[in-house]
Amino acid sequence: MPDFVIDPLRPAISSDTAALFLWRGAGIVLLGGREGERWILARAWLEGDRLAHVRRWSFGQPIPFSGQVRRLIMDATADAELAQTQGMLALTWAEAAP
């Protein structure tokens, strides 16, 4: 059964300065945040009410972070437009993150 997504073109954050970048869809969750001078991205598969098979990446610049968001969403959804849009939102978030 597909995940419930209110609007897949809007990130799950309410402001560009939110502490986390969140995206959920196609059975995965992406969580982005800052750790010192690095951008961290984690992907987990939803299995019932828990997250499984979590993988974490670390980036020194916003562009590679946003590129990984785009790639992971493309891999999960095969929707190039959605992946591109979310990648750009991730870049906007990363560039604004404190």
Protein backbone atom coordinates (compact mmCIF):
# COMPACT_ATOMS: atom_id res chain seq x y z
CA MET A 1 0.00 0.00 0.00
CA PRO A 2 1.43 3.44 -0.86
CA ASP A 3 2.42 5.86 1.86
CA PHE A 4 0.05 8.68 2.67
CA VAL A 5 1.54 11.96 1.50
CA ILE A 6 -0.47 15.18 1.75
CA ASP A 7 1.56 17.06 -0.87
CA PRO A 8 4.71 15.38 -2.21
CA LEU A 9 5.94 18.66 -3.71
CA ARG A 10 6.20 20.34 -0.29
CA PRO A 11 8.84 19.32 2.23
CA ALA A 12 7.76 18.24 5.69
CA ILE A 13 9.28 21.40 7.11
CA SER A 14 7.45 24.64 7.67
CA SER A 15 10.39 27.00 7.27
CA ASP A 16 13.72 27.18 5.49
CA THR A 17 15.41 27.50 8.87
CA ALA A 18 13.91 24.33 10.37
CA ALA A 19 16.40 22.12 12.20
CA LEU A 20 15.61 19.07 10.04
CA PHE A 21 14.87 18.31 6.43
CA LEU A 22 12.25 15.54 6.28
CA TRP A 23 10.75 13.61 3.39
CA ARG A 24 8.58 10.50 3.41
CA GLY A 25 7.26 8.49 0.51
CA ALA A 26 7.55 5.23 -1.42
CA GLY A 27 8.36 3.28 1.74
CA ILE A 28 11.30 5.40 2.86
CA VAL A 29 12.02 8.30 5.17
CA LEU A 30 14.81 10.83 4.59
CA LEU A 31 16.08 12.84 7.55
CA GLY A 32 18.57 15.65 7.03
CA GLY A 33 20.33 17.74 9.62
CA ARG A 34 23.51 19.60 10.52
CA GLU A 35 26.30 18.20 12.65
CA GLY A 36 28.93 20.87 13.14
CA GLU A 37 30.05 22.00 9.69
CA ARG A 38 28.63 18.93 7.92
CA TRP A 39 25.24 18.08 6.45
CA ILE A 40 23.96 14.65 7.47
CA LEU A 41 21.39 12.62 5.54
CA ALA A 42 19.85 9.37 6.76
CA ARG A 43 17.54 7.06 4.83
CA ALA A 44 15.43 4.42 6.51
CA TRP A 45 12.88 1.95 5.21
CA LEU A 46 9.50 1.95 6.90
CA GLU A 47 8.61 -1.47 8.31
CA GLY A 48 5.32 -1.22 10.13
CA ASP A 49 5.77 1.31 12.90
CA ARG A 50 9.57 1.28 12.90
CA LEU A 51 12.49 2.39 10.76
CA ALA A 52 14.78 -0.32 9.43
CA HIS A 53 17.95 -0.60 7.37
CA VAL A 54 19.06 2.92 8.23
CA ARG A 55 21.96 4.34 6.23
CA ARG A 56 23.69 7.64 6.93
CA TRP A 57 25.77 9.94 4.71
CA SER A 58 27.82 13.01 5.61
CA PHE A 59 28.57 15.93 3.27
CA GLY A 60 30.83 18.95 3.55
CA GLN A 61 28.78 21.06 1.13
CA PRO A 62 25.04 21.63 0.48
CA ILE A 63 25.08 20.62 -3.21
CA PRO A 64 26.21 17.00 -2.68
CA PHE A 65 23.68 16.74 0.18
CA SER A 66 20.84 17.87 -2.09
CA GLY A 67 22.08 15.66 -4.92
CA GLN A 68 21.86 12.62 -2.64
CA VAL A 69 18.31 13.60 -1.63
CA ARG A 70 17.41 13.79 -5.34
CA ARG A 71 19.07 10.43 -6.13
CA LEU A 72 17.44 8.58 -3.21
CA ILE A 73 13.98 9.91 -4.08
CA MET A 74 14.51 9.03 -7.75
CA ASP A 75 15.59 5.51 -6.77
CA ALA A 76 12.53 5.10 -4.53
CA THR A 77 9.88 6.66 -6.76
CA ALA A 78 11.18 6.66 -10.36
CA ASP A 79 9.64 10.16 -10.55
CA ALA A 80 12.28 12.50 -11.97
CA GLU A 81 10.19 15.64 -11.47
CA LEU A 82 9.49 14.87 -7.81
CA ALA A 83 13.15 13.96 -7.22
CA GLN A 84 14.36 17.19 -8.84
CA THR A 85 11.87 19.32 -6.89
CA GLN A 86 12.77 17.73 -3.56
CA GLY A 87 16.49 17.99 -4.36
CA MET A 88 16.06 21.73 -4.91
CA LEU A 89 14.08 22.05 -1.67
CA ALA A 90 16.86 20.16 0.12
CA LEU A 91 19.42 22.59 -1.32
CA THR A 92 17.36 25.58 -0.20
CA TRP A 93 17.06 24.07 3.28
CA ALA A 94 20.78 23.19 3.47
CA GLU A 95 21.88 26.66 2.39
CA ALA A 96 19.60 28.24 5.03
CA ALA A 97 20.34 25.78 7.84
CA PRO A 98 22.04 27.37 10.85
